Amino acid sequence: MTAAPTDRPMLGIALMLGFCVLIPFGDALAKLLGDWLSVVQLVFLRFAFQAAILIPLALITGRSLRMGRRIARMVFYRSMLQILGIAAMFMALQHLPLADAVAIAFVMPFIMLLLGHFVLNEEVGMRRMIACAVGFVGTLMVVQPAFDQVGWPALLPLAVAVIFALFMLVTRQIAGQSDPVAIQAAGAPMALVVLIPLFALPLPAMDWKPIATDTWPLVIAMGCVGTVGHLLMTWSLRYAPAATLAPMQYLEIPMATLVGYLIFGDIPGTLASIGILVTIGSGLYIVMRERAMMARRATPAPERPDTSPAG
């Protein structure tokens, strides 16, 4: 008998590791390209490669891109949030070190926790709420020195966190009803249709700038790395539960620190480094509490002995 996808946790972990390694490189490429291309141009190229890779993949593997009206509407909302989130991250990377931007954006799990409590009425214990507050303090420790150096752009990763928290909420509404690859493949052309008219606006962030021949390899690498990275994350959830994979995602922060040092020579300051450690620790605590609660729910309650009179 073939094992169920969730019976292969090591494969899921390996795929999530691939995501954590690739995504910081994709962000670094976007940071490099930001010196020559506009933000909207970078976002457009990112979705163009997503469409070029995932639409053929979906068709070759027999995945249907047809969907009902409700699902199509939710995929559209998801694509719009993805546009805003990627654009905000690309803008942040033009002003902040890679590790700082990624660490600040990792306030997203705390925002997800609060949205789950107040929007979806999910149970959130006092310990996790305290860990959420501590994690946010850690994020502010990263924001404060960055804000002193660059001003308001230091707040852009916070916007990224809010946007992608909403993105995840929308995704959760349709994840069980549509194939993840098909969702991403269908969302790419929706995003491109929205982005194309923006190039007509007379704003520097929306210019279409000529792409030099020697820049194209970086553009292609950015599009492929971003698309494949998110595909690895999507596939990882097929082979291992989210509670198993969630701690792995925090490897993205030290990986971003390493990539930022190797490519840009950036090293987080003392306060930012402490803030990164506090954020990681608080996030991992929340993940562990979530896993403990899931295990408790999955354990059947012991049966009470029958004390009724015989007969």
Protein backbone atom coordinates (compact mmCIF):
# COMPACT_ATOMS: atom_id res chain seq x y z
CA MET A 1 0.00 0.00 0.00
CA THR A 2 1.31 3.47 -0.87
CA ALA A 3 2.05 5.65 2.12
CA ALA A 4 -0.01 8.78 2.56
CA PRO A 5 1.81 12.04 1.83
CA THR A 6 1.77 13.04 5.51
CA ASP A 7 3.62 9.79 6.35
CA ARG A 8 6.82 11.19 4.79
CA PRO A 9 7.87 13.95 7.22
CA MET A 10 11.55 13.80 6.28
CA LEU A 11 10.70 14.64 2.67
CA GLY A 12 8.52 17.51 3.87
CA ILE A 13 11.36 18.80 6.06
CA ALA A 14 13.83 18.55 3.17
CA LEU A 15 11.49 20.54 0.92
CA MET A 16 11.03 23.21 3.60
CA LEU A 17 14.81 23.42 4.00
CA GLY A 18 15.03 24.05 0.26
CA PHE A 19 12.54 26.90 0.66
CA CYS A 20 14.51 28.45 3.55
CA VAL A 21 17.72 28.32 1.50
CA LEU A 22 16.28 29.62 -1.78
CA ILE A 23 14.08 32.50 -0.63
CA PRO A 24 16.88 34.63 0.91
CA PHE A 25 18.79 34.27 -2.36
CA GLY A 26 15.66 35.43 -4.25
CA ASP A 27 15.39 38.45 -1.95
CA ALA A 28 19.10 39.19 -2.41
CA LEU A 29 18.69 39.11 -6.20
CA ALA A 30 15.75 41.53 -5.93
CA LYS A 31 17.89 43.80 -3.75
CA LEU A 32 20.65 43.77 -6.39
CA LEU A 33 18.24 44.39 -9.26
CA GLY A 34 16.62 47.28 -7.41
CA ASP A 35 19.59 49.43 -8.46
CA TRP A 36 18.57 49.11 -12.13
CA LEU A 37 14.85 48.24 -12.27
CA SER A 38 11.73 49.77 -10.75
CA VAL A 39 9.75 48.05 -7.98
CA VAL A 40 6.67 47.37 -10.13
CA GLN A 41 8.92 46.08 -12.92
CA LEU A 42 10.52 43.61 -10.48
CA VAL A 43 7.11 42.45 -9.24
CA PHE A 44 5.85 42.08 -12.83
CA LEU A 45 8.88 39.99 -13.80
CA ARG A 46 8.43 37.86 -10.67
CA PHE A 47 4.85 36.98 -11.66
CA ALA A 48 5.77 36.58 -15.33
CA PHE A 49 8.20 33.81 -14.42
CA GLN A 50 5.65 32.29 -12.04
CA ALA A 51 3.19 32.08 -14.93
CA ALA A 52 5.83 30.78 -17.37
CA ILE A 53 6.85 27.99 -14.97
CA LEU A 54 3.65 26.97 -13.22
CA ILE A 55 1.04 27.16 -16.01
CA PRO A 56 2.89 24.61 -18.20
CA LEU A 57 3.60 22.49 -15.09
CA ALA A 58 -0.08 22.49 -14.15
CA LEU A 59 -1.14 21.54 -17.68
CA ILE A 60 1.53 18.86 -18.12
CA THR A 61 0.59 17.22 -14.83
CA GLY A 62 -3.12 17.28 -15.67
CA ARG A 63 -4.14 19.93 -13.15
CA SER A 64 -7.21 21.88 -14.19
CA LEU A 65 -7.03 25.69 -14.00
CA ARG A 66 -10.82 25.94 -14.02
CA MET A 67 -12.41 27.00 -10.76
CA GLY A 68 -15.76 28.13 -9.44
CA ARG A 69 -16.68 31.78 -9.05
CA ARG A 70 -16.03 31.87 -5.31
CA ILE A 71 -12.63 30.18 -5.58
CA ALA A 72 -11.65 32.44 -8.49
CA ARG A 73 -12.59 35.49 -6.44
CA MET A 74 -10.51 34.28 -3.48
CA VAL A 75 -7.54 33.53 -5.77
CA PHE A 76 -7.82 37.07 -7.12
CA TYR A 77 -7.79 38.54 -3.60
CA ARG A 78 -4.82 36.30 -2.80
CA SER A 79 -2.94 37.53 -5.86
CA MET A 80 -3.58 41.18 -4.98
CA LEU A 81 -2.25 40.65 -1.47
CA GLN A 82 0.77 38.85 -2.92
CA ILE A 83 1.46 41.83 -5.22
CA LEU A 84 1.34 44.25 -2.29
CA GLY A 85 3.45 42.00 -0.06
CA ILE A 86 6.18 41.36 -2.64
CA ALA A 87 6.27 45.04 -3.65
CA ALA A 88 6.60 46.16 -0.02
CA MET A 89 9.40 43.64 0.58
CA PHE A 90 11.27 44.70 -2.56
CA MET A 91 10.98 48.36 -1.48
CA ALA A 92 12.21 47.50 2.01
CA LEU A 93 15.23 45.68 0.59
CA GLN A 94 16.35 48.86 -1.17
CA HIS A 95 16.84 50.50 2.23
CA LEU A 96 17.49 47.73 4.78
CA PRO A 97 20.01 44.93 5.22
CA LEU A 98 18.57 41.59 4.12
CA ALA A 99 18.64 40.02 7.60
CA ASP A 100 16.90 43.02 9.21
CA ALA A 101 14.12 43.07 6.62
CA VAL A 102 13.48 39.34 6.96
CA ALA A 103 13.61 39.42 10.77
CA ILE A 104 11.13 42.30 10.99
CA ALA A 105 8.79 40.55 8.55
CA PHE A 106 8.81 37.49 10.85
CA VAL A 107 6.38 39.34 13.11
CA MET A 108 3.85 37.69 10.77
CA PRO A 109 3.34 34.54 12.93
CA PHE A 110 2.36 36.78 15.84
CA ILE A 111 -0.08 38.71 13.65
CA MET A 112 -1.48 35.39 12.39
CA LEU A 113 -2.03 34.32 15.98
CA LEU A 114 -3.95 37.51 16.77
CA LEU A 115 -6.00 37.34 13.55
CA GLY A 116 -6.83 33.70 14.26
CA HIS A 117 -8.05 34.69 17.72
CA PHE A 118 -10.02 37.83 16.87
CA VAL A 119 -11.17 37.00 13.30
CA LEU A 120 -11.52 33.20 13.29
CA ASN A 121 -12.32 32.84 17.02
CA GLU A 122 -9.49 30.36 17.48
CA GLU A 123 -8.43 29.47 21.02
CA VAL A 124 -5.27 31.30 22.09
CA GLY A 125 -3.95 30.77 25.62
CA MET A 126 -2.42 33.44 27.84
CA ARG A 127 1.10 31.97 27.46
CA ARG A 128 0.99 32.29 23.70
CA MET A 129 -0.36 35.83 23.98
CA ILE A 130 2.58 36.74 26.23
CA ALA A 131 5.01 35.08 23.81
CA CYS A 132 3.37 37.10 21.03
CA ALA A 133 4.00 40.33 22.96
CA VAL A 134 7.62 39.34 23.68
CA GLY A 135 8.18 38.49 20.01
CA PHE A 136 6.82 41.86 18.98
CA VAL A 137 9.24 43.55 21.41
CA GLY A 138 12.03 41.59 19.74
CA THR A 139 10.88 42.87 16.37
CA LEU A 140 10.89 46.45 17.66
CA MET A 141 14.50 45.91 18.78
CA VAL A 142 15.35 45.25 15.12
CA VAL A 143 13.19 48.12 13.86
CA GLN A 144 14.59 50.79 16.21
CA PRO A 145 18.20 50.95 14.91
CA ALA A 146 16.97 50.47 11.35
CA PHE A 147 14.52 53.36 11.78
CA ASP A 148 17.31 55.57 13.10
CA GLN A 149 19.32 54.86 9.96
CA VAL A 150 16.74 54.91 7.14
CA GLY A 151 13.52 56.36 8.61
CA TRP A 152 10.05 55.16 7.58
CA PRO A 153 11.22 52.45 5.12
CA ALA A 154 12.18 50.45 8.22
CA LEU A 155 8.43 49.98 8.78
CA LEU A 156 7.86 48.39 5.37
CA PRO A 157 8.60 44.83 6.58
CA LEU A 158 5.86 45.32 9.20
CA ALA A 159 3.49 46.06 6.31
CA VAL A 160 4.80 42.91 4.61
CA ALA A 161 3.95 40.91 7.74
CA VAL A 162 0.37 42.26 7.93
CA ILE A 163 -0.22 41.72 4.20
CA PHE A 164 1.08 38.16 4.20
CA ALA A 165 -0.86 37.32 7.36
CA LEU A 166 -4.02 38.29 5.46
CA PHE A 167 -2.66 36.37 2.46
CA MET A 168 -2.37 33.23 4.61
CA LEU A 169 -5.91 33.70 5.95
CA VAL A 170 -7.28 33.84 2.40
CA THR A 171 -5.15 30.84 1.41
CA ARG A 172 -6.54 28.83 4.33
CA GLN A 173 -10.06 29.48 3.05
CA ILE A 174 -9.36 27.71 -0.26
CA ALA A 175 -6.45 25.37 0.46
CA GLY A 176 -8.66 22.35 1.00
CA GLN A 177 -10.73 22.97 -2.12
CA SER A 178 -8.11 23.53 -4.85
CA ASP A 179 -4.71 22.22 -5.85
CA PRO A 180 -1.91 24.53 -4.58
CA VAL A 181 0.02 24.48 -7.86
CA ALA A 182 -3.15 25.26 -9.82
CA ILE A 183 -3.94 28.15 -7.44
CA GLN A 184 -0.50 29.69 -7.94
CA ALA A 185 -0.61 29.08 -11.70
CA ALA A 186 -4.04 30.72 -12.03
CA GLY A 187 -3.10 33.63 -9.77
CA ALA A 188 -0.06 34.67 -11.85
CA PRO A 189 -1.95 35.93 -14.95
CA MET A 190 -4.44 37.70 -12.69
CA ALA A 191 -1.55 39.60 -11.13
CA LEU A 192 -0.03 40.43 -14.52
CA VAL A 193 -3.32 41.88 -15.78
CA VAL A 194 -3.44 44.20 -12.77
CA LEU A 195 0.23 45.19 -13.00
CA ILE A 196 0.41 46.07 -16.72
CA PRO A 197 -1.69 49.29 -16.49
CA LEU A 198 0.51 50.57 -13.66
CA PHE A 199 3.36 51.19 -16.09
CA ALA A 200 1.31 54.02 -17.62
CA LEU A 201 1.40 55.96 -14.34
CA PRO A 202 4.04 58.73 -14.18
CA LEU A 203 5.73 57.45 -11.00
CA PRO A 204 9.38 56.39 -10.65
CA ALA A 205 8.43 53.13 -8.89
CA MET A 206 6.30 52.18 -11.91
CA ASP A 207 8.67 52.90 -14.78
CA TRP A 208 9.61 50.18 -17.24
CA LYS A 209 13.36 50.51 -17.55
CA PRO A 210 15.46 48.85 -20.28
CA ILE A 211 17.01 45.60 -19.10
CA ALA A 212 20.68 45.29 -20.04
CA THR A 213 21.86 42.02 -21.55
CA ASP A 214 24.11 41.23 -18.60
CA THR A 215 21.19 41.88 -16.19
CA TRP A 216 18.93 39.21 -17.66
CA PRO A 217 20.68 36.30 -15.87
CA LEU A 218 19.89 37.96 -12.54
CA VAL A 219 16.28 38.58 -13.61
CA ILE A 220 15.83 34.96 -14.70
CA ALA A 221 17.44 33.71 -11.48
CA MET A 222 15.16 35.92 -9.36
CA GLY A 223 12.02 34.68 -11.12
CA CYS A 224 13.02 31.02 -10.99
CA VAL A 225 14.28 31.08 -7.39
CA GLY A 226 11.15 32.85 -6.10
CA THR A 227 8.77 30.55 -7.97
CA VAL A 228 10.57 27.29 -7.13
CA GLY A 229 11.05 28.36 -3.50
CA HIS A 230 7.35 28.93 -2.91
CA LEU A 231 6.56 25.72 -4.79
CA LEU A 232 8.86 23.79 -2.43
CA MET A 233 7.01 25.29 0.54
CA THR A 234 3.63 24.32 -0.96
CA TRP A 235 4.77 20.77 -1.63
CA SER A 236 6.35 20.42 1.81
CA LEU A 237 2.90 20.79 3.38
CA ARG A 238 1.73 17.74 1.42
CA TYR A 239 4.26 15.46 3.11
CA ALA A 240 4.44 16.81 6.66
CA PRO A 241 1.99 18.64 8.94
CA ALA A 242 2.34 22.40 9.40
CA ALA A 243 3.20 21.92 13.10
CA THR A 244 6.27 19.89 12.08
CA LEU A 245 7.40 22.38 9.45
CA ALA A 246 6.73 25.66 11.27
CA PRO A 247 9.97 25.63 13.35
CA MET A 248 11.95 25.04 10.15
CA GLN A 249 10.80 28.36 8.68
CA TYR A 250 12.82 30.29 11.28
CA LEU A 251 15.97 28.97 9.57
CA GLU A 252 15.23 31.61 6.95
CA ILE A 253 16.49 34.35 9.33
CA PRO A 254 20.03 32.97 9.89
CA MET A 255 20.15 32.03 6.20
CA ALA A 256 19.24 35.62 5.28
CA THR A 257 21.95 36.84 7.67
CA LEU A 258 24.54 34.60 5.95
CA VAL A 259 23.44 35.60 2.43
CA GLY A 260 23.41 39.28 3.41
CA TYR A 261 26.96 38.99 4.76
CA LEU A 262 28.31 37.05 1.76
CA ILE A 263 26.77 39.31 -0.90
CA PHE A 264 26.48 42.73 0.73
CA GLY A 265 28.82 42.51 3.72
CA ASP A 266 25.95 43.31 6.11
CA ILE A 267 26.21 42.27 9.77
CA PRO A 268 23.30 43.01 12.18
CA GLY A 269 24.19 45.33 15.09
CA THR A 270 24.09 44.25 18.71
CA LEU A 271 20.53 45.41 19.44
CA ALA A 272 19.24 44.00 16.15
CA SER A 273 20.98 40.67 16.83
CA ILE A 274 19.37 40.42 20.28
CA GLY A 275 16.00 41.33 18.74
CA ILE A 276 16.41 38.61 16.09
CA LEU A 277 17.13 36.01 18.81
CA VAL A 278 14.12 37.18 20.87
CA THR A 279 11.86 36.99 17.79
CA ILE A 280 13.07 33.49 16.90
CA GLY A 281 12.73 32.27 20.48
CA SER A 282 9.21 33.66 20.91
CA GLY A 283 8.11 32.26 17.56
CA LEU A 284 9.47 28.80 18.35
CA TYR A 285 7.75 28.88 21.75
CA ILE A 286 4.41 29.63 20.08
CA VAL A 287 4.99 26.79 17.61
CA MET A 288 5.80 24.34 20.43
CA ARG A 289 2.70 25.38 22.39
CA GLU A 290 0.60 24.89 19.25
CA ARG A 291 2.03 21.39 18.74
CA ALA A 292 1.38 20.52 22.38
CA MET A 293 -2.26 21.65 22.11
CA MET A 294 -2.75 19.67 18.88
CA ALA A 295 -1.30 16.55 20.53
CA ARG A 296 -3.58 17.04 23.54
CA ARG A 297 -6.64 17.32 21.29
CA ALA A 298 -5.61 14.22 19.34
CA THR A 299 -5.26 12.10 22.53
CA PRO A 300 -8.61 10.49 23.42
CA ALA A 301 -9.83 11.12 26.94
CA PRO A 302 -9.58 8.06 29.22
CA GLU A 303 -12.85 6.26 29.74
CA ARG A 304 -14.43 6.56 33.17
CA PRO A 305 -14.94 3.26 34.98
CA ASP A 306 -18.49 2.01 35.06
CA THR A 307 -19.73 2.62 38.61
CA SER A 308 -23.39 1.85 37.91
CA PRO A 309 -24.96 -1.06 39.84
CA ALA A 310 -24.65 -4.43 38.08
CA GLY A 311 -27.75 -5.71 36.40
